[in-house]
Amino acid sequence: MKTTTYFESRRRLPDRTDIPDSWIEHVVRNPVVMETQSDGRIRKWGRIDDAGGRYLRVVLLEDGETVHNAFFDRGFRELRE
């Protein structure tokens, strides 16, 4: 999994240390929602059943494969699916 330096620093935050790479890779391959930001970065959301059904947001660079950020999105609502 390709990542940015920013991602590597952010994944050390207490609310992100329990997010395994396998969950991130799952969301990248199987998003329930995908949006492209105005700067070209790609946001993908996926439901993680092993995390109580919470939604993980993964932000990729414009190349569609380099992970820039990943976190549980408390503001995401299942109704968007």
C-alpha atoms as a PDB file:
ATOM      1  CA  MET A   1       0.000   0.000   0.000  1.00  0.00           C
ATOM      2  CA  LYS A   2       1.445   3.331  -1.074  1.00  0.00           C
ATOM      3  CA  THR A   3       1.094   6.137   1.493  1.00  0.00           C
ATOM      4  CA  THR A   4       2.097   9.765   1.978  1.00  0.00           C
ATOM      5  CA  THR A   5       4.303  11.061   4.765  1.00  0.00           C
ATOM      6  CA  TYR A   6       1.244  12.926   6.055  1.00  0.00           C
ATOM      7  CA  PHE A   7      -0.673   9.649   6.350  1.00  0.00           C
ATOM      8  CA  GLU A   8       2.161   7.991   8.233  1.00  0.00           C
ATOM      9  CA  SER A   9       2.209  10.818  10.776  1.00  0.00           C
ATOM     10  CA  ARG A  10      -1.598  10.933  11.168  1.00  0.00           C
ATOM     11  CA  ARG A  11      -2.007   7.182  11.644  1.00  0.00           C
ATOM     12  CA  ARG A  12      -0.187   7.516  14.980  1.00  0.00           C
ATOM     13  CA  LEU A  13      -3.100   9.501  16.455  1.00  0.00           C
ATOM     14  CA  PRO A  14      -4.957   7.622  19.210  1.00  0.00           C
ATOM     15  CA  ASP A  15      -8.200   7.363  17.222  1.00  0.00           C
ATOM     16  CA  ARG A  16      -6.389   5.839  14.217  1.00  0.00           C
ATOM     17  CA  THR A  17      -3.883   3.372  15.638  1.00  0.00           C
ATOM     18  CA  ASP A  18      -6.430   0.527  15.535  1.00  0.00           C
ATOM     19  CA  ILE A  19      -7.151   0.869  11.800  1.00  0.00           C
ATOM     20  CA  PRO A  20      -5.367  -1.997  10.044  1.00  0.00           C
ATOM     21  CA  ASP A  21      -4.151  -1.717   6.465  1.00  0.00           C
ATOM     22  CA  SER A  22      -6.597  -4.464   5.463  1.00  0.00           C
ATOM     23  CA  TRP A  23      -9.580  -2.222   6.324  1.00  0.00           C
ATOM     24  CA  ILE A  24      -8.097   0.640   4.299  1.00  0.00           C
ATOM     25  CA  GLU A  25      -7.456  -1.651   1.343  1.00  0.00           C
ATOM     26  CA  HIS A  26     -11.017  -2.991   1.590  1.00  0.00           C
ATOM     27  CA  VAL A  27     -12.485   0.524   1.360  1.00  0.00           C
ATOM     28  CA  VAL A  28     -10.208   1.424  -1.562  1.00  0.00           C
ATOM     29  CA  ARG A  29     -11.380  -1.665  -3.495  1.00  0.00           C
ATOM     30  CA  ASN A  30     -15.043  -1.695  -2.355  1.00  0.00           C
ATOM     31  CA  PRO A  31     -16.307   1.809  -1.503  1.00  0.00           C
ATOM     32  CA  VAL A  32     -20.000   2.389  -0.845  1.00  0.00           C
ATOM     33  CA  VAL A  33     -19.564   6.060  -1.807  1.00  0.00           C
ATOM     34  CA  MET A  34     -16.828   7.805  -3.764  1.00  0.00           C
ATOM     35  CA  GLU A  35     -16.300  11.523  -4.380  1.00  0.00           C
ATOM     36  CA  THR A  36     -13.590  13.524  -6.105  1.00  0.00           C
ATOM     37  CA  GLN A  37     -12.531  16.689  -4.298  1.00  0.00           C
ATOM     38  CA  SER A  38     -11.854  19.952  -6.157  1.00  0.00           C
ATOM     39  CA  ASP A  39      -8.098  19.384  -5.666  1.00  0.00           C
ATOM     40  CA  GLY A  40      -8.326  15.984  -7.401  1.00  0.00           C
ATOM     41  CA  ARG A  41      -8.041  13.850  -4.296  1.00  0.00           C
ATOM     42  CA  ILE A  42     -10.491  10.978  -4.077  1.00  0.00           C
ATOM     43  CA  ARG A  43     -12.622  10.261  -1.008  1.00  0.00           C
ATOM     44  CA  LYS A  44     -13.969   6.762  -0.464  1.00  0.00           C
ATOM     45  CA  TRP A  45     -16.174   5.481   2.336  1.00  0.00           C
ATOM     46  CA  GLY A  46     -16.775   1.918   3.408  1.00  0.00           C
ATOM     47  CA  ARG A  47     -18.613   0.199   6.228  1.00  0.00           C
ATOM     48  CA  ILE A  48     -16.372  -1.775   8.581  1.00  0.00           C
ATOM     49  CA  ASP A  49     -18.456  -4.439  10.315  1.00  0.00           C
ATOM     50  CA  ASP A  50     -15.553  -5.433  12.590  1.00  0.00           C
ATOM     51  CA  ALA A  51     -15.545  -1.855  13.914  1.00  0.00           C
ATOM     52  CA  GLY A  52     -19.181  -1.857  14.975  1.00  0.00           C
ATOM     53  CA  GLY A  53     -20.479  -0.903  11.536  1.00  0.00           C
ATOM     54  CA  ARG A  54     -18.701   2.444  11.510  1.00  0.00           C
ATOM     55  CA  TYR A  55     -17.711   4.036   8.209  1.00  0.00           C
ATOM     56  CA  LEU A  56     -14.062   4.475   7.326  1.00  0.00           C
ATOM     57  CA  ARG A  57     -13.160   7.386   5.051  1.00  0.00           C
ATOM     58  CA  VAL A  58     -10.029   6.927   2.960  1.00  0.00           C
ATOM     59  CA  VAL A  59      -8.563   9.863   1.037  1.00  0.00           C
ATOM     60  CA  LEU A  60      -6.381   9.010  -1.934  1.00  0.00           C
ATOM     61  CA  LEU A  61      -4.145  11.222  -4.014  1.00  0.00           C
ATOM     62  CA  GLU A  62      -5.083  11.957  -7.621  1.00  0.00           C
ATOM     63  CA  ASP A  63      -3.360   8.740  -8.740  1.00  0.00           C
ATOM     64  CA  GLY A  64      -6.166   6.755  -7.082  1.00  0.00           C
ATOM     65  CA  GLU A  65      -3.818   4.481  -5.137  1.00  0.00           C
ATOM     66  CA  THR A  66      -1.687   6.524  -2.717  1.00  0.00           C
ATOM     67  CA  VAL A  67      -3.384   6.790   0.698  1.00  0.00           C
ATOM     68  CA  HIS A  68      -3.255  10.316   2.120  1.00  0.00           C
ATOM     69  CA  ASN A  69      -5.631   9.913   5.080  1.00  0.00           C
ATOM     70  CA  ALA A  70      -7.894   7.328   6.723  1.00  0.00           C
ATOM     71  CA  PHE A  71     -10.235   7.785   9.666  1.00  0.00           C
ATOM     72  CA  PHE A  72     -13.663   6.841  10.947  1.00  0.00           C
ATOM     73  CA  ASP A  73     -16.093   9.468   9.707  1.00  0.00           C
ATOM     74  CA  ARG A  74     -18.596  10.170  12.470  1.00  0.00           C
ATOM     75  CA  GLY A  75     -20.502  12.535  10.191  1.00  0.00           C
ATOM     76  CA  PHE A  76     -21.117   9.972   7.469  1.00  0.00           C
ATOM     77  CA  ARG A  77     -24.703   8.751   7.301  1.00  0.00           C
ATOM     78  CA  GLU A  78     -25.729   5.436   5.828  1.00  0.00           C
ATOM     79  CA  LEU A  79     -28.566   7.204   4.007  1.00  0.00           C
ATOM     80  CA  ARG A  80     -25.986   8.403   1.455  1.00  0.00           C
ATOM     81  CA  GLU A  81     -25.604   4.845   0.114  1.00  0.00           C
END
